[in-house]
Amino acid sequence: MNFRELNAQLGNIDIYLLDQILKGRFEGKSKVLDVGCGEGRNLIYFAREGFDVYGFDQNPSALQMLRYLLKGVRPDFDERKLIEGDAQSLPLPAGYFDIVVSSAVLHFAESVDAFHKQVAELFRVLAPDGILFIRMTSDIGLPDAIENLGSGRYLIPDGSARFLLTRSLIEEIVEKFSWQLIEPVKTTVVDDVRCMTTLVFRKA
């Protein structure tokens, strides 16, 4: 398979989510929810591979593009599985999804309370033994040149304002939801102006 064929198969999937696919984390699982799916870069692979895919986003234009893309992959795709709304209240049944993805979304939380509400919803819709993939901006490895804006949000060196994941927040959510971290906490430092941390949990 050449790089063009591989790109057609995988699209622009998050490389850290691809890492979990290659490790076989999702074998035997069928229902996937991407919260903050955008135009679906993390859903196209799953759709091609026959997973039952759902997307949730607050941007109607992005969802419309994703509808178009998914129809190209799966002509019978049910458009009702792409939902517009607020991630703090997912209109979806509890314990329904085997895989929940939240990539580059939670760092837009407006406060610690909003962050916890969103994480609680991810937990609620995840099935027992399900896998939760989170990737977001963090303070782990970030230089000290950040400005505290309050409520868990910071102005970071790349010029953006982000809610930052911290080690204490990781400890809080692991304890609160009895999640099992199945990968070491991994952080990528981007040119000393932003740090992105990846968490992979299994729901006990």
Protein backbone atom coordinates (compact mmCIF):
# COMPACT_ATOMS: atom_id res chain seq x y z
CA MET A 1 0.00 0.00 0.00
CA ASN A 2 1.50 3.37 -1.01
CA PHE A 3 1.12 6.58 0.95
CA ARG A 4 -1.84 7.77 -1.17
CA GLU A 5 -3.77 4.57 -0.52
CA LEU A 6 -2.91 4.77 3.16
CA ASN A 7 -4.07 8.38 3.32
CA ALA A 8 -7.33 7.45 1.61
CA GLN A 9 -7.88 4.78 4.25
CA LEU A 10 -6.89 6.79 7.31
CA GLY A 11 -7.51 10.40 6.28
CA ASN A 12 -6.24 12.98 8.77
CA ILE A 13 -6.85 10.85 11.85
CA ASP A 14 -5.17 11.98 15.07
CA ILE A 15 -1.82 10.15 15.12
CA TYR A 16 -2.28 9.28 18.81
CA LEU A 17 -5.69 7.76 18.10
CA LEU A 18 -4.09 5.79 15.26
CA ASP A 19 -1.58 4.51 17.81
CA GLN A 20 -4.47 3.00 19.79
CA ILE A 21 -5.92 1.42 16.65
CA LEU A 22 -2.56 -0.18 15.85
CA LYS A 23 -2.36 -1.52 19.41
CA GLY A 24 -5.70 -3.29 18.95
CA ARG A 25 -7.50 -1.32 21.66
CA PHE A 26 -10.74 -1.27 19.70
CA GLU A 27 -10.93 -4.92 18.67
CA GLY A 28 -14.37 -6.36 19.39
CA LYS A 29 -15.94 -2.93 19.81
CA SER A 30 -18.58 -1.46 17.52
CA LYS A 31 -20.12 1.87 18.58
CA VAL A 32 -17.99 5.03 18.33
CA LEU A 33 -18.86 8.56 19.46
CA ASP A 34 -16.65 11.55 18.60
CA VAL A 35 -17.53 14.50 20.84
CA GLY A 36 -16.33 17.62 19.06
CA CYS A 37 -16.05 15.73 15.80
CA GLY A 38 -15.73 18.79 13.54
CA GLU A 39 -15.53 17.62 9.93
CA GLY A 40 -14.83 14.08 11.08
CA ARG A 41 -11.12 13.46 10.70
CA ASN A 42 -11.31 10.87 13.48
CA LEU A 43 -14.50 9.19 12.25
CA ILE A 44 -13.80 8.41 8.60
CA TYR A 45 -11.52 5.44 9.37
CA PHE A 46 -14.09 3.93 11.75
CA ALA A 47 -16.87 4.42 9.19
CA ARG A 48 -14.79 2.68 6.50
CA GLU A 49 -14.14 -0.22 8.86
CA GLY A 50 -17.83 -0.80 9.58
CA PHE A 51 -18.12 0.75 13.04
CA ASP A 52 -21.42 2.33 14.05
CA VAL A 53 -20.29 5.97 14.14
CA TYR A 54 -21.85 8.99 15.85
CA GLY A 55 -20.62 12.58 15.85
CA PHE A 56 -21.41 15.50 18.13
CA ASP A 57 -20.40 19.12 17.55
CA GLN A 58 -21.67 22.66 18.07
CA ASN A 59 -20.70 23.75 14.54
CA PRO A 60 -23.51 23.05 12.04
CA SER A 61 -21.29 23.79 9.01
CA ALA A 62 -18.74 21.18 10.13
CA LEU A 63 -21.50 18.62 10.67
CA GLN A 64 -22.88 19.31 7.20
CA MET A 65 -19.46 18.63 5.67
CA LEU A 66 -19.18 15.43 7.71
CA ARG A 67 -22.60 14.28 6.48
CA TYR A 68 -21.34 14.67 2.93
CA LEU A 69 -18.11 12.77 3.64
CA LEU A 70 -19.81 9.92 5.48
CA LYS A 71 -22.38 9.48 2.73
CA GLY A 72 -19.45 8.99 0.36
CA VAL A 73 -18.05 6.26 2.57
CA ARG A 74 -21.36 4.72 3.65
CA PRO A 75 -24.34 5.64 1.41
CA ASP A 76 -26.72 4.17 4.00
CA PHE A 77 -25.36 6.33 6.84
CA ASP A 78 -28.10 7.65 9.15
CA GLU A 79 -27.64 11.43 9.29
CA ARG A 80 -29.47 11.56 12.63
CA LYS A 81 -26.29 10.18 14.20
CA LEU A 82 -24.61 13.56 13.68
CA ILE A 83 -25.89 15.81 16.45
CA GLU A 84 -25.49 19.52 17.10
CA GLY A 85 -25.35 20.75 20.67
CA ASP A 86 -23.50 21.50 23.90
CA ALA A 87 -21.07 18.82 25.10
CA GLN A 88 -22.12 19.42 28.71
CA SER A 89 -25.44 17.71 27.93
CA LEU A 90 -25.27 14.87 25.42
CA PRO A 91 -28.75 13.75 24.25
CA LEU A 92 -27.58 10.15 24.11
CA PRO A 93 -28.27 7.04 26.20
CA ALA A 94 -26.07 6.07 29.14
CA GLY A 95 -23.55 3.29 28.65
CA TYR A 96 -24.16 3.06 24.92
CA PHE A 97 -20.76 3.60 23.30
CA ASP A 98 -17.77 1.26 23.25
CA ILE A 99 -15.41 4.05 22.20
CA VAL A 100 -15.66 7.76 23.01
CA VAL A 101 -13.23 10.24 21.46
CA SER A 102 -12.64 13.80 22.66
CA SER A 103 -9.73 15.27 20.72
CA ALA A 104 -8.77 18.95 21.03
CA VAL A 105 -12.13 19.83 22.60
CA LEU A 106 -11.96 19.93 26.39
CA HIS A 107 -9.40 22.75 26.40
CA PHE A 108 -12.22 25.06 25.26
CA ALA A 109 -14.01 24.59 28.60
CA GLU A 110 -14.86 27.94 30.18
CA SER A 111 -14.27 26.83 33.77
CA VAL A 112 -13.32 23.91 36.01
CA ASP A 113 -17.03 23.25 36.55
CA ALA A 114 -17.69 23.14 32.79
CA PHE A 115 -14.73 20.77 32.33
CA HIS A 116 -16.08 18.40 34.98
CA LYS A 117 -19.57 18.47 33.46
CA GLN A 118 -18.22 17.55 30.04
CA VAL A 119 -16.07 14.76 31.46
CA ALA A 120 -19.07 13.45 33.43
CA GLU A 121 -21.04 13.23 30.18
CA LEU A 122 -18.23 11.32 28.48
CA PHE A 123 -18.29 8.89 31.40
CA ARG A 124 -22.08 8.56 31.35
CA VAL A 125 -22.38 7.55 27.70
CA LEU A 126 -19.39 5.16 27.78
CA ALA A 127 -20.20 1.46 28.16
CA PRO A 128 -18.56 -0.70 30.84
CA ASP A 129 -15.13 -1.78 29.58
CA GLY A 130 -15.36 1.01 26.99
CA ILE A 131 -12.37 3.09 25.90
CA LEU A 132 -12.18 6.87 26.32
CA PHE A 133 -9.59 8.81 24.32
CA ILE A 134 -8.86 12.41 25.39
CA ARG A 135 -6.34 14.79 23.89
CA MET A 136 -6.15 18.40 25.04
CA THR A 137 -3.85 21.26 25.97
CA SER A 138 -2.15 20.88 29.35
CA ASP A 139 0.37 22.56 31.63
CA ILE A 140 2.52 19.41 31.70
CA GLY A 141 5.87 20.42 30.27
CA LEU A 142 4.70 23.93 29.42
CA PRO A 143 7.16 26.75 30.08
CA ASP A 144 6.37 29.09 32.96
CA ALA A 145 5.46 31.94 30.59
CA ILE A 146 1.70 31.50 30.99
CA GLU A 147 -0.85 33.94 32.37
CA ASN A 148 -3.56 32.66 34.71
CA LEU A 149 -6.93 33.97 33.50
CA GLY A 150 -8.86 32.26 36.29
CA SER A 151 -11.32 29.34 36.31
CA GLY A 152 -8.65 26.95 35.02
CA ARG A 153 -7.97 28.97 31.86
CA TYR A 154 -4.58 30.36 30.85
CA LEU A 155 -3.04 32.53 28.18
CA ILE A 156 -0.30 30.32 26.78
CA PRO A 157 2.79 31.23 24.71
CA ASP A 158 1.12 30.52 21.35
CA GLY A 159 -1.19 33.46 22.08
CA SER A 160 -4.36 31.44 22.71
CA ALA A 161 -6.47 31.19 25.85
CA ARG A 162 -7.04 27.57 26.87
CA PHE A 163 -8.38 25.54 29.76
CA LEU A 164 -5.36 23.47 30.80
CA LEU A 165 -5.33 19.89 31.95
CA THR A 166 -3.18 19.43 35.06
CA ARG A 167 -1.89 16.39 36.91
CA SER A 168 -4.24 17.17 39.79
CA LEU A 169 -7.22 17.22 37.41
CA ILE A 170 -6.15 13.83 36.03
CA GLU A 171 -6.03 12.44 39.57
CA GLU A 172 -9.46 13.91 40.32
CA ILE A 173 -11.23 12.35 37.35
CA VAL A 174 -9.52 8.96 37.81
CA GLU A 175 -10.66 8.88 41.44
CA LYS A 176 -14.16 10.23 40.76
CA PHE A 177 -15.06 7.90 37.90
CA SER A 178 -12.93 4.84 38.76
CA TRP A 179 -11.30 4.95 35.34
CA GLN A 180 -8.24 2.86 34.56
CA LEU A 181 -5.45 4.61 32.68
CA ILE A 182 -4.34 2.02 30.11
CA GLU A 183 -1.55 4.14 28.64
CA PRO A 184 1.07 6.28 30.37
CA VAL A 185 0.16 9.95 30.33
CA LYS A 186 1.85 11.26 27.17
CA THR A 187 2.56 14.91 26.42
CA THR A 188 3.87 16.50 23.23
CA VAL A 189 5.64 19.85 23.56
CA VAL A 190 4.98 21.95 20.45
CA ASP A 191 7.84 24.41 19.90
CA ASP A 192 7.71 25.44 23.61
CA VAL A 193 4.46 27.34 23.02
CA ARG A 194 1.84 24.61 23.61
CA CYS A 195 1.66 21.18 25.22
CA MET A 196 -0.85 18.53 24.19
CA THR A 197 -1.52 15.63 26.56
CA THR A 198 -3.13 12.32 25.59
CA LEU A 199 -5.10 10.20 28.05
CA VAL A 200 -6.53 6.75 27.30
CA PHE A 201 -8.92 5.27 29.86
CA ARG A 202 -10.91 2.07 30.25
CA LYS A 203 -14.21 2.32 32.12
CA ALA A 204 -14.13 -0.11 35.01
